[in-house]
C-alpha cells in the first residue's frame, strides 16, 4: 500500500492534497503522509 498517490478534491473541485505515502503503524492503524499544494507536509 505504501507509495501510492491519490488526489483529494474539495467540493469546489480544486485539488488541495496529494497523499504521497500510506502505511501502517506498529499497532495496525493506517498512517498517511500528505504533501499540500502549498508545499507543507503533514502526517495523519
N, C-alpha and C. Protein backbone atom coordinates (compact mmCIF):
# COMPACT_ATOMS: atom_id res chain seq x y z
N UNK A 1 0.83 -1.21 0.00
CA UNK A 1 0.00 0.00 0.00
C UNK A 1 0.87 1.25 0.00
N UNK A 2 2.08 1.15 0.47
CA UNK A 2 2.94 2.33 0.54
C UNK A 2 3.31 2.81 -0.85
N UNK A 3 3.41 4.11 -1.00
CA UNK A 3 3.93 4.67 -2.23
C UNK A 3 2.90 5.05 -3.27
N UNK A 4 1.62 4.81 -3.00
CA UNK A 4 0.65 5.22 -3.99
C UNK A 4 0.33 6.70 -3.85
N UNK A 5 -0.22 7.30 -4.89
CA UNK A 5 -0.54 8.72 -4.87
C UNK A 5 -2.02 8.89 -5.16
N UNK A 6 -2.67 9.70 -4.38
CA UNK A 6 -4.09 9.95 -4.56
C UNK A 6 -4.35 11.44 -4.43
N UNK A 7 -5.17 11.96 -5.31
CA UNK A 7 -5.51 13.37 -5.28
C UNK A 7 -6.86 13.53 -4.58
N UNK A 8 -6.90 14.39 -3.58
CA UNK A 8 -8.14 14.65 -2.86
C UNK A 8 -8.72 15.97 -3.33
N UNK A 9 -10.01 16.01 -3.52
CA UNK A 9 -10.65 17.21 -4.04
C UNK A 9 -11.60 17.81 -3.02
N UNK A 10 -11.67 19.13 -2.99
CA UNK A 10 -12.70 19.82 -2.23
C UNK A 10 -13.99 19.85 -3.04
N UNK A 11 -15.05 20.34 -2.42
CA UNK A 11 -16.33 20.39 -3.11
C UNK A 11 -16.29 21.32 -4.32
N UNK A 12 -15.41 22.30 -4.31
CA UNK A 12 -15.33 23.21 -5.46
C UNK A 12 -14.50 22.60 -6.59
N UNK A 13 -13.98 21.39 -6.39
CA UNK A 13 -13.28 20.69 -7.45
C UNK A 13 -11.80 21.01 -7.54
N UNK A 14 -11.29 21.83 -6.64
CA UNK A 14 -9.86 22.16 -6.69
C UNK A 14 -9.07 21.16 -5.86
N UNK A 15 -7.97 20.73 -6.40
CA UNK A 15 -7.12 19.79 -5.69
C UNK A 15 -6.43 20.50 -4.54
N UNK A 16 -6.45 19.89 -3.37
CA UNK A 16 -5.83 20.50 -2.20
C UNK A 16 -4.72 19.66 -1.61
N UNK A 17 -4.80 18.36 -1.75
CA UNK A 17 -3.87 17.49 -1.06
C UNK A 17 -3.48 16.33 -1.96
N UNK A 18 -2.22 15.96 -1.89
CA UNK A 18 -1.76 14.76 -2.56
C UNK A 18 -1.20 13.82 -1.50
N UNK A 19 -1.80 12.65 -1.38
CA UNK A 19 -1.25 11.66 -0.47
C UNK A 19 -0.10 10.98 -1.19
N UNK A 20 1.09 11.06 -0.59
CA UNK A 20 2.25 10.53 -1.26
C UNK A 20 2.71 9.22 -0.66
N UNK A 21 2.24 8.90 0.54
CA UNK A 21 2.66 7.64 1.15
C UNK A 21 1.59 7.21 2.15
N UNK A 22 1.31 5.93 2.16
CA UNK A 22 0.39 5.38 3.14
C UNK A 22 1.00 4.10 3.69
N UNK A 23 0.77 3.86 4.95
CA UNK A 23 1.33 2.67 5.55
C UNK A 23 0.59 2.35 6.84
N UNK A 24 1.21 1.52 7.67
CA UNK A 24 0.59 1.12 8.92
C UNK A 24 1.56 1.32 10.06
N UNK A 25 1.04 1.81 11.20
CA UNK A 25 1.83 1.88 12.41
C UNK A 25 2.01 0.48 12.97
N UNK A 26 2.86 0.37 13.98
CA UNK A 26 3.09 -0.94 14.60
C UNK A 26 1.81 -1.51 15.21
N UNK A 27 0.90 -0.64 15.64
CA UNK A 27 -0.35 -1.12 16.25
C UNK A 27 -1.42 -1.42 15.20
N UNK A 28 -1.08 -1.27 13.92
CA UNK A 28 -2.01 -1.64 12.86
C UNK A 28 -2.86 -0.51 12.33
N UNK A 29 -2.74 0.69 12.90
CA UNK A 29 -3.52 1.81 12.39
C UNK A 29 -2.87 2.39 11.15
N UNK A 30 -3.68 2.92 10.25
CA UNK A 30 -3.14 3.46 9.00
C UNK A 30 -2.50 4.81 9.22
N UNK A 31 -1.45 5.10 8.49
CA UNK A 31 -0.81 6.40 8.54
C UNK A 31 -0.70 6.94 7.11
N UNK A 32 -0.78 8.24 6.99
CA UNK A 32 -0.65 8.89 5.69
C UNK A 32 0.33 10.04 5.80
N UNK A 33 1.13 10.22 4.78
CA UNK A 33 1.96 11.41 4.67
C UNK A 33 1.43 12.19 3.48
N UNK A 34 0.94 13.39 3.73
CA UNK A 34 0.31 14.18 2.68
C UNK A 34 1.14 15.42 2.40
N UNK A 35 1.32 15.73 1.13
CA UNK A 35 2.00 16.94 0.73
C UNK A 35 0.96 17.90 0.15
N UNK A 36 0.78 19.03 0.81
CA UNK A 36 -0.22 20.01 0.36
C UNK A 36 0.32 20.79 -0.82
N UNK A 37 -0.59 21.38 -1.59
CA UNK A 37 -0.16 22.18 -2.73
C UNK A 37 0.68 23.37 -2.29
N UNK A 38 0.50 23.80 -1.04
CA UNK A 38 1.30 24.90 -0.53
C UNK A 38 2.74 24.48 -0.26
N UNK A 39 3.01 23.17 -0.32
CA UNK A 39 4.34 22.68 -0.05
C UNK A 39 4.51 22.13 1.35
N UNK A 40 3.50 22.34 2.20
CA UNK A 40 3.56 21.80 3.55
C UNK A 40 3.38 20.29 3.51
N UNK A 41 4.03 19.62 4.43
CA UNK A 41 3.90 18.17 4.55
C UNK A 41 3.32 17.86 5.92
N UNK A 42 2.30 17.03 5.94
CA UNK A 42 1.72 16.66 7.22
C UNK A 42 1.50 15.16 7.26
N UNK A 43 1.47 14.65 8.47
CA UNK A 43 1.24 13.22 8.67
C UNK A 43 -0.04 13.03 9.45
N UNK A 44 -0.78 11.99 9.12
CA UNK A 44 -2.02 11.69 9.83
C UNK A 44 -2.10 10.20 10.09
